[in-house]
Protein backbone atom coordinates (compact mmCIF):
# COMPACT_ATOMS: atom_id res chain seq x y z
CA MET A 1 0.00 0.00 0.00
CA PRO A 2 1.42 3.48 -0.90
CA ASN A 3 2.45 5.78 1.92
CA PRO A 4 -0.55 7.55 3.47
CA ASP A 5 -1.13 11.23 2.81
CA VAL A 6 -1.65 12.70 6.29
CA THR A 7 -2.91 16.22 6.97
CA GLU A 8 -4.15 17.91 10.13
CA GLU A 9 -7.70 16.79 9.36
CA SER A 10 -7.49 13.53 7.44
CA ILE A 11 -5.63 10.38 6.46
CA ARG A 12 -5.78 9.54 2.77
CA LEU A 13 -4.92 6.02 1.59
CA ARG A 14 -4.49 5.70 -2.17
CA GLN A 15 -5.78 2.49 -3.78
CA LYS A 16 -5.11 3.22 -7.45
CA ASP A 17 -3.03 5.72 -9.41
CA PRO A 18 -5.15 8.78 -10.32
CA SER A 19 -3.75 8.66 -13.88
CA LEU A 20 -5.76 5.47 -14.48
CA PHE A 21 -9.03 7.39 -14.12
CA VAL A 22 -11.08 9.61 -16.39
CA ASP A 23 -10.23 13.14 -15.22
CA ASP A 24 -13.73 14.54 -14.80
CA SER A 25 -15.21 11.37 -13.27
CA PHE A 26 -13.92 11.88 -9.70
CA ARG A 27 -16.31 12.52 -6.85
CA THR A 28 -16.16 12.17 -3.07
CA ILE A 29 -18.72 10.01 -1.29
CA ASP A 30 -19.47 9.18 2.35
CA ILE A 31 -18.87 5.53 3.22
CA SER A 32 -19.75 6.11 6.88
CA GLU A 33 -20.41 9.63 8.13
CA GLU A 34 -20.63 8.36 11.70
CA LYS A 35 -17.22 6.65 11.52
CA GLY A 36 -15.61 9.40 9.49
CA ILE A 37 -14.83 7.41 6.32
CA LYS A 38 -15.06 8.82 2.82
CA ALA A 39 -13.88 7.64 -0.56
CA ILE A 40 -12.80 9.29 -3.79
CA VAL A 41 -14.27 7.29 -6.65
CA GLY A 42 -14.18 7.54 -10.42
CA LYS A 43 -14.38 5.74 -13.76
CA LEU A 44 -11.34 3.89 -15.06
CA LYS A 45 -10.06 4.90 -18.49
CA SER A 46 -9.97 1.21 -19.38
CA ASP A 47 -13.68 0.83 -18.54
CA GLN A 48 -15.35 4.21 -19.00
CA ASP A 49 -18.84 2.69 -19.18
CA GLY A 50 -18.24 0.48 -16.16
CA VAL A 51 -18.83 0.87 -12.45
CA MET A 52 -17.34 3.48 -10.09
CA VAL A 53 -14.05 2.35 -8.54
CA VAL A 54 -12.34 3.54 -5.35
CA GLN A 55 -9.23 5.65 -5.99
CA SER A 56 -8.59 6.65 -2.35
CA TYR A 57 -10.09 6.26 1.10
CA ILE A 58 -10.16 9.29 3.41
CA PHE A 59 -10.37 8.93 7.20
CA ASP A 60 -11.16 11.57 9.80
CA LYS A 61 -7.92 12.00 11.75
CA GLU A 62 -9.80 12.73 14.97
CA LYS A 63 -11.34 9.25 14.80
CA TRP A 64 -8.61 7.18 13.16
CA SER A 65 -4.89 6.55 13.45
CA VAL A 66 -2.88 5.59 10.36
CA GLU A 67 -2.59 2.01 11.62
CA GLU A 68 -6.33 1.72 12.25
CA ALA A 69 -7.15 3.15 8.82
CA GLU A 70 -4.75 0.78 7.06
CA LYS A 71 -6.22 -2.16 8.97
CA TRP A 72 -9.77 -1.14 7.97
CA VAL A 73 -8.82 -0.95 4.28
CA ASP A 74 -6.95 -4.26 4.44
CA GLU A 75 -9.92 -6.04 6.03
CA HIS A 76 -12.35 -4.59 3.51
CA LYS A 77 -10.20 -5.63 0.56
CA LYS A 78 -9.93 -9.24 1.68
CA ARG A 79 -12.46 -11.86 0.74
CA SER A 80 -13.92 -12.90 4.07
CA GLY A 81 -13.92 -16.60 3.28
CA MET A 82 -16.06 -19.30 1.82
CA GLU A 83 -19.23 -18.34 -0.01
CA LYS A 84 -22.33 -20.32 -0.90
CA ARG A 85 -24.22 -20.18 -4.16
CA ALA A 86 -27.30 -22.09 -5.23
CA GLY A 87 -29.83 -22.51 -7.99
CA ASP A 88 -32.13 -24.89 -9.79
CA GLY A 89 -30.46 -28.16 -10.63
CA ASN A 90 -31.07 -31.17 -12.80
CA ILE A 91 -30.37 -33.98 -10.38
CA ARG A 92 -30.82 -37.43 -11.87
CA LEU A 93 -31.33 -40.63 -9.88
CA SER A 94 -30.40 -44.03 -11.26
CA ILE A 95 -30.40 -47.46 -9.61
CA GLU A 96 -28.20 -50.22 -11.02
CA ASN A 97 -27.62 -53.52 -9.27
CA LYS A 98 -29.30 -52.08 -6.17
CA LEU A 99 -26.76 -49.23 -6.11
CA ALA A 100 -28.43 -45.81 -6.05
CA ARG A 101 -26.50 -43.06 -7.80
CA LEU A 102 -27.06 -39.33 -8.21
CA SER A 103 -25.72 -37.32 -11.13
CA GLY A 104 -26.20 -33.94 -12.73
CA THR A 105 -24.78 -30.43 -12.96
CA ALA A 106 -23.44 -29.08 -9.68
CA ILE A 107 -22.28 -25.73 -11.06
CA PRO A 108 -23.56 -24.34 -14.37
CA TYR A 109 -21.23 -22.08 -16.30
CA ASN A 110 -22.34 -18.83 -17.94
CA ALA A 111 -25.67 -18.85 -16.09
CA LEU A 112 -26.64 -15.55 -14.46
CA SER A 113 -27.50 -15.87 -10.80
CA VAL A 114 -30.61 -14.73 -9.03
CA ASN A 115 -29.90 -11.43 -7.21
CA PRO A 116 -28.11 -12.44 -3.98
CA ILE A 117 -28.07 -9.17 -2.06
CA PRO A 118 -31.28 -7.47 -0.87
CA GLY A 119 -31.35 -3.95 -2.23
CA LEU A 120 -28.93 -4.60 -5.09
CA SER A 121 -31.40 -5.53 -7.78
CA GLY A 122 -28.95 -4.51 -10.51
CA ILE A 123 -26.12 -6.90 -9.59
CA ARG A 124 -25.85 -10.54 -10.61
CA GLU A 125 -23.12 -13.14 -10.83
CA ARG A 126 -21.80 -15.55 -13.44
CA ILE A 127 -19.39 -18.47 -13.07
CA LEU A 128 -17.16 -18.35 -16.14
CA PRO A 129 -16.11 -21.51 -18.01
CA GLY A 130 -12.95 -22.95 -16.52
CA ALA A 131 -13.43 -21.20 -13.17
CA PHE A 132 -13.01 -24.47 -11.25
CA LYS A 133 -10.54 -26.22 -13.57
CA ARG A 134 -7.48 -25.47 -11.45
CA SER A 135 -9.33 -26.52 -8.30
CA LEU A 136 -10.45 -29.84 -9.76
CA ASP A 137 -7.02 -30.52 -11.30
CA SER A 138 -5.45 -30.07 -7.84
CA GLN A 139 -7.49 -33.07 -6.62
CA ASN A 140 -8.38 -31.36 -3.36
CA ASP A 141 -10.94 -33.30 -1.35
CA VAL A 142 -14.46 -32.11 -2.19
CA PHE A 143 -17.53 -33.26 -0.25
CA MET A 144 -21.10 -33.79 -1.41
CA LEU A 145 -23.47 -33.01 1.45
CA TRP A 146 -27.13 -32.74 2.31
CA ASN A 147 -28.05 -29.11 3.02
CA HIS A 148 -24.38 -28.19 3.69
CA GLU A 149 -24.41 -30.38 6.83
CA LEU A 150 -21.12 -32.21 7.42
CA LYS A 151 -22.92 -34.90 9.40
CA TYR A 152 -24.80 -35.88 6.21
CA VAL A 153 -22.12 -36.88 3.70
CA PHE A 154 -23.31 -38.27 0.36
CA GLY A 155 -19.74 -38.77 -0.80
CA ARG A 156 -16.29 -37.28 -1.21
CA THR A 157 -13.76 -37.22 -4.00
CA SER A 158 -10.90 -38.60 -1.90
CA ARG A 159 -12.91 -41.79 -1.35
CA GLY A 160 -14.08 -42.10 -4.92
CA THR A 161 -17.73 -41.99 -3.88
CA LEU A 162 -18.05 -38.54 -5.47
CA ARG A 163 -16.70 -37.97 -8.98
CA LEU A 164 -16.43 -34.49 -10.50
CA LYS A 165 -15.54 -33.43 -14.01
CA GLU A 166 -15.63 -30.18 -15.88
CA ASP A 167 -16.97 -29.55 -19.37
CA GLN A 168 -18.05 -26.48 -21.32
CA ASN A 169 -21.40 -26.45 -19.51
CA GLY A 170 -20.10 -26.55 -15.96
CA VAL A 171 -19.02 -28.92 -13.21
CA GLN A 172 -20.74 -32.30 -13.51
CA PHE A 173 -21.04 -34.78 -10.66
CA GLU A 174 -21.73 -38.46 -10.11
CA ASN A 175 -22.24 -39.72 -6.56
CA ASP A 176 -22.87 -43.15 -5.05
CA ILE A 177 -25.56 -42.78 -2.38
CA PRO A 178 -24.45 -44.16 1.00
CA ASP A 179 -26.21 -47.06 2.70
CA ALA A 180 -27.61 -44.81 5.42
CA GLN A 181 -31.22 -44.39 6.45
CA TRP A 182 -31.24 -40.59 6.08
CA ALA A 183 -30.03 -40.95 2.47
CA LYS A 184 -32.58 -43.68 1.69
CA ASP A 185 -35.33 -41.44 3.06
CA LEU A 186 -34.41 -38.75 0.51
CA ILE A 187 -34.55 -41.00 -2.55
CA PRO A 188 -38.37 -40.84 -3.10
CA SER A 189 -38.36 -37.02 -2.94
CA ILE A 190 -35.39 -36.78 -5.31
CA LYS A 191 -36.99 -39.29 -7.67
CA ARG A 192 -40.23 -37.28 -7.79
CA GLY A 193 -38.35 -34.02 -8.32
CA ASP A 194 -39.42 -32.48 -5.01
CA ILE A 195 -35.73 -32.07 -4.21
CA SER A 196 -33.93 -30.75 -7.29
CA ASN A 197 -31.65 -27.93 -6.23
CA MET A 198 -27.88 -27.92 -5.94
CA SER A 199 -25.67 -25.57 -3.97
CA PHE A 200 -21.91 -25.19 -3.71
CA SER A 201 -19.31 -23.55 -1.51
CA PHE A 202 -16.23 -21.86 -2.92
CA LYS A 203 -13.62 -19.18 -2.42
CA ASP A 204 -12.19 -16.82 -5.03
CA ASN A 205 -8.54 -17.32 -5.97
CA VAL A 206 -8.33 -14.12 -8.03
CA GLU A 207 -10.30 -10.89 -8.16
CA PRO A 208 -13.51 -11.33 -10.14
CA SER A 209 -14.09 -9.21 -13.20
CA TRP A 210 -17.05 -6.83 -13.48
CA THR A 211 -19.11 -6.13 -16.59
CA ARG A 212 -22.09 -3.90 -17.27
CA GLU A 213 -24.75 -5.72 -19.27
CA GLY A 214 -27.73 -3.54 -20.04
CA LYS A 215 -28.97 -2.13 -16.75
CA GLU A 216 -27.26 -4.83 -14.68
CA ILE A 217 -23.76 -5.20 -13.31
CA VAL A 218 -22.37 -8.72 -13.44
CA ARG A 219 -19.69 -10.13 -11.15
CA ASN A 220 -17.76 -12.75 -13.15
CA VAL A 221 -16.00 -15.48 -11.14
CA ARG A 222 -12.86 -16.45 -13.06
CA ASP A 223 -10.86 -18.76 -10.80
CA ALA A 224 -12.06 -20.29 -7.54
CA THR A 225 -11.51 -23.21 -5.18
CA LEU A 226 -14.41 -25.62 -4.74
CA TYR A 227 -14.96 -27.01 -1.22
CA GLU A 228 -18.28 -28.81 -1.35
CA ILE A 229 -21.48 -29.32 -3.29
CA SER A 230 -24.83 -29.95 -1.64
CA VAL A 231 -28.25 -31.27 -2.44
CA VAL A 232 -30.63 -28.71 -0.91
CA THR A 233 -34.36 -28.32 -0.44
CA TYR A 234 -34.27 -24.54 -0.64
CA PRO A 235 -31.47 -22.72 -2.47
CA VAL A 236 -29.87 -20.12 -0.20
CA TYR A 237 -27.72 -17.58 -2.01
CA GLU A 238 -25.22 -16.09 0.41
CA SER A 239 -22.74 -13.36 -0.37
CA THR A 240 -19.74 -12.09 1.54
CA SER A 241 -19.01 -9.42 -1.03
CA VAL A 242 -20.54 -6.41 0.72
CA TYR A 243 -18.26 -4.97 3.38
CA ALA A 244 -19.22 -1.34 3.89
CA ARG A 245 -22.43 0.48 3.27
CA SER A 246 -23.92 3.80 4.19
CA GLY A 247 -27.09 5.41 2.90
CA GLU A 248 -27.50 4.67 -0.78
CA LEU A 249 -24.04 3.21 -1.49
CA VAL A 250 -22.13 -0.01 -0.89
CA VAL A 251 -18.51 -0.99 -1.37
CA VAL A 252 -18.34 -4.42 -3.01
CA ASP A 253 -15.17 -6.53 -2.88
CA GLY A 254 -13.47 -3.58 -1.18
CA ASN A 255 -13.25 -1.68 -4.42
CA ILE A 256 -16.46 -1.35 -6.44
CA ILE A 257 -19.06 1.32 -5.62
CA LEU A 258 -22.69 0.46 -6.27
CA ASP A 259 -26.05 2.05 -5.56
CA TYR A 260 -27.88 0.52 -2.62
CA THR A 261 -31.46 0.44 -1.40
CA PRO A 262 -31.59 -0.26 2.37
CA PRO A 263 -33.85 -3.19 3.44
CA GLU A 264 -36.06 -0.84 5.45
CA LYS A 265 -36.82 1.15 2.30
CA ILE A 266 -37.63 -2.05 0.44
CA ALA A 267 -40.00 -3.04 3.25
CA GLU A 268 -41.57 0.43 3.16
CA ARG A 269 -42.16 0.19 -0.59
CA GLU A 270 -43.66 -3.29 -0.26
CA SER A 271 -45.94 -2.05 2.51
CA GLU A 272 -47.12 0.83 0.32
CA ARG A 273 -47.75 -1.57 -2.57
CA ALA A 274 -49.74 -3.88 -0.29
CA GLU A 275 -51.80 -0.94 0.99
CA ARG A 276 -52.56 0.19 -2.56
CA PHE A 277 -53.54 -3.37 -3.48
CA ASN A 278 -55.87 -3.65 -0.48
CA ASN A 279 -57.45 -0.32 -1.39
CA LEU A 280 -58.09 -1.58 -4.91
CA ILE A 281 -59.74 -4.71 -3.52
CA SER A 282 -61.98 -2.56 -1.30
CA GLU A 283 -62.94 -0.35 -4.25
CA PHE A 284 -63.66 -3.42 -6.37
CA GLU A 285 -65.89 -4.95 -3.67
CA SER A 286 -67.77 -1.64 -3.30
CA LEU A 287 -68.29 -1.49 -7.05
CA LYS A 288 -69.62 -5.06 -7.08
CA LYS A 289 -72.19 -4.18 -4.42
CA GLU A 290 -73.34 -1.15 -6.41
CA LEU A 291 -73.79 -3.25 -9.56
CA THR A 292 -75.70 -6.10 -7.89
């Protein structure tokens, strides 16, 4: 990290060289007015139609020391660990010689995710082809679980009960179902299609790339380590990408600035919509009485 620029009032920590930015694109935003954190953001010359990127963070010197400010930036630039993603799957069940086996696509490539972060309706995610190639080639032990629970293990690659391979469509799996009662109890629901979703846990190895596609911003995962895949009843999409937010803005991956709608505002809008709907129902019922 470059040496901090310290004045009597503030501590400025540069993240990127100003020469990389479009000159007239700079603006200063509040990350947290209460904590005394601001950021100078702008558009990169290499991506003038892209998202706003942090050029520098500015800390109120009365509230922060240089060491504390550097620690805050470092923590907000790091990925905070393993993430979970989920979506509709195409789990197949086959039984040969009394051996039950599951197969299907654990991770589809090039498929846009459902919005994972409440309030960020304009951000989605895509797993790019080859994103897990290095991870699978390393032959790290990968588990297949039920609902991400380690006490319910369908199989694991180190034992040969779970087999993973990558093709142009994604990461495919084949798993021998264990001779356990909990697994046997799931077979009828999987066979009927009641349970059809897959989820997976991973961690980024490199910074994702960001693209603007129409009105949406897409986070593209390029290289990641796969830890486990799970058969799930309800796909939970978790994100650890949002680290700092204040008002109408969030900092994603410690670098990208995006618009943000707080959950309370979403709830307020939904309440207003519900009230309008109920009023329409009341008006409709009144009109029915007048016409009958």
